[in-house]
Structures are given as C-alpha cells and as structure tokens.
Amino acid sequence: MTAHARSGALTAGLILIAIGVIFLIESFHESFSVWHLFVRYWPLILIIIGVSRLYRYFAWPGVPPAPEQPPHKE
C-alpha cells in the first residue's frame, strides 16, 4: 500500500467515525441537529478539503533524480 493510499484510507476511516459519532449524538439529543450544523458550517468543509490537498501537495516527496550511470564502455 502506497503512502498516498494509506493516507486516503485513514482519512476515510476518520470521516466515517466522525459521521457515526454525529448521528449517535443526534439520536440522544433532540435539540442537536446535524443538518443545522451542516447548513451553517459547510464552507468549513471546503476549507478543510483545500488545506488537506495543499498539505498533501507540499508534503509528498518528489521523485528522486535517477542515479548517474557510469559511461558505457564498448
């Protein structure tokens, strides 16, 4: 598993856990509304996705240069 795929699996797992916790809280507290939170804070989701993409762009190691080959003798 590549580092990128592993990071994606971790992110997906954390998102699923967060969604589950939110719905669990909603089922215990009638005054808590997921939809009210979503309508109010949806721009925050876009900001988090953008920051995550920027972090992955700058944190991803570049492709190392190819090692120099000794001159080929014939």
Protein backbone atom coordinates (compact mmCIF):
# COMPACT_ATOMS: atom_id res chain seq x y z
CA MET A 1 0.00 0.00 0.00
CA THR A 2 1.44 3.34 -1.01
CA ALA A 3 1.65 6.24 1.40
CA HIS A 4 -1.00 8.10 -0.60
CA ALA A 5 -3.46 5.18 -0.46
CA ARG A 6 -2.73 4.65 3.21
CA SER A 7 -3.41 8.34 3.93
CA GLY A 8 -6.67 8.13 2.00
CA ALA A 9 -7.77 5.05 3.94
CA LEU A 10 -7.00 6.80 7.23
CA THR A 11 -8.92 9.90 6.17
CA ALA A 12 -11.93 7.86 5.02
CA GLY A 13 -11.94 5.92 8.30
CA LEU A 14 -11.81 9.08 10.38
CA ILE A 15 -14.62 10.67 8.36
CA LEU A 16 -16.83 7.60 8.82
CA ILE A 17 -16.18 7.58 12.56
CA ALA A 18 -16.97 11.31 12.80
CA ILE A 19 -20.23 10.87 10.87
CA GLY A 20 -21.21 7.95 13.10
CA VAL A 21 -20.50 9.95 16.26
CA ILE A 22 -22.51 12.91 14.97
CA PHE A 23 -25.55 10.73 14.22
CA LEU A 24 -25.20 8.98 17.57
CA ILE A 25 -25.22 12.33 19.38
CA GLU A 26 -28.23 13.40 17.32
CA SER A 27 -30.15 10.28 18.37
CA PHE A 28 -29.56 11.03 22.08
CA HIS A 29 -30.15 14.81 21.98
CA GLU A 30 -33.19 16.00 20.06
CA SER A 31 -32.02 19.62 20.22
CA PHE A 32 -28.84 18.69 18.30
CA SER A 33 -29.31 18.83 14.51
CA VAL A 34 -26.71 17.65 12.02
CA TRP A 35 -28.47 19.49 9.21
CA HIS A 36 -28.42 22.78 11.10
CA LEU A 37 -24.66 22.38 11.63
CA PHE A 38 -24.12 21.43 8.00
CA VAL A 39 -26.08 24.40 6.65
CA ARG A 40 -24.17 26.76 8.91
CA TYR A 41 -20.63 25.39 8.56
CA TRP A 42 -20.49 23.86 5.05
CA PRO A 43 -17.81 26.35 3.90
CA LEU A 44 -15.56 24.94 6.62
CA ILE A 45 -15.71 21.56 4.88
CA LEU A 46 -14.39 23.15 1.68
CA ILE A 47 -11.59 24.87 3.60
CA ILE A 48 -10.57 21.61 5.29
CA ILE A 49 -10.52 19.77 1.95
CA GLY A 50 -8.42 22.55 0.40
CA VAL A 51 -5.92 22.60 3.27
CA SER A 52 -5.67 18.82 3.12
CA ARG A 53 -4.92 18.93 -0.61
CA LEU A 54 -2.28 21.63 -0.14
CA TYR A 55 -0.66 19.67 2.68
CA ARG A 56 -0.51 16.53 0.54
CA TYR A 57 0.93 18.52 -2.36
CA PHE A 58 3.74 20.05 -0.33
CA ALA A 59 4.39 17.06 1.96
CA TRP A 60 4.53 14.45 -0.80
CA PRO A 61 8.18 13.67 -1.51
CA GLY A 62 9.31 14.48 -5.01
CA VAL A 63 10.64 11.87 -7.37
CA PRO A 64 14.35 11.47 -6.63
CA PRO A 65 16.69 12.04 -9.56
CA ALA A 66 17.96 8.97 -11.33
CA PRO A 67 21.42 7.86 -10.15
CA GLU A 68 24.19 8.70 -12.54
CA GLN A 69 25.30 5.80 -14.68
CA PRO A 70 28.98 5.32 -15.39
CA PRO A 71 29.87 5.84 -19.07
CA HIS A 72 29.16 2.76 -21.12
CA LYS A 73 32.36 1.17 -22.49
CA GLU A 74 32.18 -0.80 -25.69
